[in-house]
């Protein structure tokens, strides 16, 4: 067994060099003496946030169009037609959502007029309900004087 090397191996971490290599004792001593210490704070350092965009990517568009940051609502005709077709088939919102592979909140938003429907979802609703829903038009903007 002369080919085995049983000598201990020690790993040592090297200390940083350059500006970051300031000794904590020297820094604390300078703080106690009231000397100026140059510190550098990293942008978003130590936070779990990304810098890939603003808080809301569409906020600039919303601000340019309206001042109250609200999305347009769909007309009441589409919402009423959807609700009547669903009730005629004796389905709940959850059952209809399951038929078209969507969340129940999507159906709820469409029936209450809070969301503007997407064309693909309207086609799914038409097939599931066996009827043709009216085209979802956004209401005309109110003219304020």
Protein backbone atom coordinates (compact mmCIF):
# COMPACT_ATOMS: atom_id res chain seq x y z
CA UNK A 1 0.00 0.00 0.00
CA UNK A 2 2.81 2.34 -0.70
CA UNK A 3 0.85 4.09 -3.45
CA UNK A 4 -1.57 5.77 -0.99
CA UNK A 5 -0.79 9.27 0.26
CA UNK A 6 -2.15 9.80 3.77
CA UNK A 7 -0.77 13.30 4.26
CA UNK A 8 -3.44 15.77 5.47
CA UNK A 9 -4.63 18.40 3.00
CA UNK A 10 -5.68 21.79 4.35
CA UNK A 11 -7.84 24.19 2.37
CA UNK A 12 -7.57 27.85 3.19
CA UNK A 13 -9.79 30.57 1.87
CA UNK A 14 -7.86 33.59 0.61
CA UNK A 15 -8.87 37.01 1.84
CA UNK A 16 -10.02 39.57 -0.71
CA UNK A 17 -7.50 42.04 -1.98
CA UNK A 18 -7.91 45.62 -3.03
CA UNK A 19 -10.51 48.09 -1.74
CA UNK A 20 -12.69 45.38 -0.18
CA UNK A 21 -9.82 44.08 1.93
CA UNK A 22 -10.28 46.71 4.65
CA UNK A 23 -9.74 45.25 8.09
CA UNK A 24 -12.93 45.46 10.19
CA UNK A 25 -10.88 46.58 13.21
CA UNK A 26 -9.49 49.54 11.27
CA UNK A 27 -12.96 50.45 9.96
CA UNK A 28 -14.50 50.33 13.45
CA UNK A 29 -11.65 52.39 14.85
CA UNK A 30 -12.19 55.02 12.14
CA UNK A 31 -15.93 55.10 12.92
CA UNK A 32 -15.25 55.65 16.61
CA UNK A 33 -12.86 58.48 15.79
CA UNK A 34 -15.51 60.12 13.55
CA UNK A 35 -13.49 59.87 10.36
CA UNK A 36 -15.26 59.65 7.03
CA UNK A 37 -15.70 56.15 5.70
CA UNK A 38 -16.53 55.53 2.09
CA UNK A 39 -19.28 52.98 1.70
CA UNK A 40 -20.98 51.71 -1.41
CA UNK A 41 -24.54 50.45 -1.48
CA UNK A 42 -25.45 48.14 -4.33
CA UNK A 43 -28.62 48.82 -6.28
CA UNK A 44 -31.30 46.49 -4.89
CA UNK A 45 -28.62 44.67 -2.93
CA UNK A 46 -29.93 42.09 -0.48
CA UNK A 47 -33.48 42.29 -1.80
CA UNK A 48 -35.44 39.71 -3.68
CA UNK A 49 -36.49 42.02 -6.49
CA UNK A 50 -35.66 42.09 -10.14
CA UNK A 51 -34.81 45.14 -12.16
CA UNK A 52 -36.57 43.87 -15.28
CA UNK A 53 -39.38 46.40 -15.39
CA UNK A 54 -41.46 48.84 -13.52
CA UNK A 55 -44.11 48.02 -10.98
CA UNK A 56 -46.72 47.64 -13.70
CA UNK A 57 -45.54 47.28 -17.30
CA UNK A 58 -48.70 48.88 -18.71
CA UNK A 59 -48.83 51.78 -16.27
CA UNK A 60 -47.39 54.21 -18.82
CA UNK A 61 -50.12 53.31 -21.33
CA UNK A 62 -52.81 53.63 -18.70
CA UNK A 63 -51.48 56.96 -17.53
CA UNK A 64 -51.39 58.31 -21.07
CA UNK A 65 -55.00 57.28 -21.76
CA UNK A 66 -56.84 57.79 -18.50
CA UNK A 67 -56.02 59.42 -15.22
CA UNK A 68 -57.81 56.99 -12.94
CA UNK A 69 -55.88 53.78 -13.85
CA UNK A 70 -58.97 51.73 -14.69
CA UNK A 71 -59.45 49.30 -17.52
CA UNK A 72 -62.42 49.59 -19.82
CA UNK A 73 -65.43 47.40 -19.07
CA UNK A 74 -67.43 45.30 -21.50
CA UNK A 75 -71.03 46.21 -22.38
CA UNK A 76 -73.86 44.78 -20.31
CA UNK A 77 -75.38 42.95 -23.34
CA UNK A 78 -72.59 40.37 -23.55
CA UNK A 79 -72.59 39.75 -19.81
CA UNK A 80 -76.39 39.28 -19.73
CA UNK A 81 -76.36 36.96 -22.78
CA UNK A 82 -73.62 34.81 -21.26
CA UNK A 83 -75.48 34.51 -17.99
CA UNK A 84 -78.80 33.64 -19.67
CA UNK A 85 -77.15 30.99 -21.89
CA UNK A 86 -75.42 29.43 -18.88
CA UNK A 87 -78.63 29.34 -16.83
CA UNK A 88 -80.55 27.86 -19.80
CA UNK A 89 -78.05 24.97 -19.86
CA UNK A 90 -78.48 24.65 -16.05
CA UNK A 91 -74.76 25.09 -15.40
CA UNK A 92 -73.01 26.87 -12.58
CA UNK A 93 -70.12 29.22 -13.28
CA UNK A 94 -67.70 26.59 -11.96
CA UNK A 95 -69.15 23.87 -14.19
CA UNK A 96 -68.99 26.10 -17.26
CA UNK A 97 -65.42 27.04 -16.43
CA UNK A 98 -64.52 23.36 -16.15
CA UNK A 99 -66.11 22.65 -19.54
CA UNK A 100 -63.95 25.25 -21.28
CA UNK A 101 -60.82 24.62 -19.15
CA UNK A 102 -60.73 28.06 -17.55
CA UNK A 103 -60.88 29.33 -13.99
CA UNK A 104 -64.29 30.07 -12.47
CA UNK A 105 -63.13 33.63 -11.79
CA UNK A 106 -62.87 34.18 -15.57
CA UNK A 107 -66.56 33.35 -16.03
CA UNK A 108 -67.45 35.49 -13.03
CA UNK A 109 -65.51 38.45 -14.45
CA UNK A 110 -67.20 38.09 -17.85
CA UNK A 111 -70.70 37.88 -16.35
CA UNK A 112 -70.13 40.88 -14.10
CA UNK A 113 -68.61 42.90 -16.95
CA UNK A 114 -65.26 43.39 -15.23
CA UNK A 115 -63.18 41.80 -17.99
CA UNK A 116 -63.08 42.16 -21.75
CA UNK A 117 -63.37 38.64 -23.22
CA UNK A 118 -60.70 37.13 -25.43
CA UNK A 119 -61.83 35.78 -28.80
CA UNK A 120 -60.59 32.24 -28.15
CA UNK A 121 -62.53 32.03 -24.88
CA UNK A 122 -65.68 33.36 -26.58
CA UNK A 123 -65.39 30.53 -29.13
CA UNK A 124 -65.05 27.98 -26.32
CA UNK A 125 -68.11 29.46 -24.63
CA UNK A 126 -70.09 29.31 -27.88
CA UNK A 127 -69.27 25.61 -28.33
CA UNK A 128 -69.94 24.71 -24.69
CA UNK A 129 -73.25 26.59 -24.51
CA UNK A 130 -74.42 25.69 -28.03
CA UNK A 131 -75.26 29.27 -28.96
CA UNK A 132 -73.66 32.35 -30.47
CA UNK A 133 -72.91 35.06 -27.95
CA UNK A 134 -73.05 38.69 -29.12
CA UNK A 135 -69.82 40.40 -30.00
CA UNK A 136 -68.32 41.92 -26.86
CA UNK A 137 -68.00 45.63 -27.48
CA UNK A 138 -66.42 47.98 -25.02
CA UNK A 139 -68.82 50.76 -24.03
CA UNK A 140 -68.41 54.15 -25.65
CA UNK A 141 -66.21 56.48 -23.61
CA UNK A 142 -68.10 59.07 -21.60
CA UNK A 143 -67.56 62.62 -22.65
CA UNK A 144 -66.89 64.80 -19.63
CA UNK A 145 -67.64 68.47 -19.86
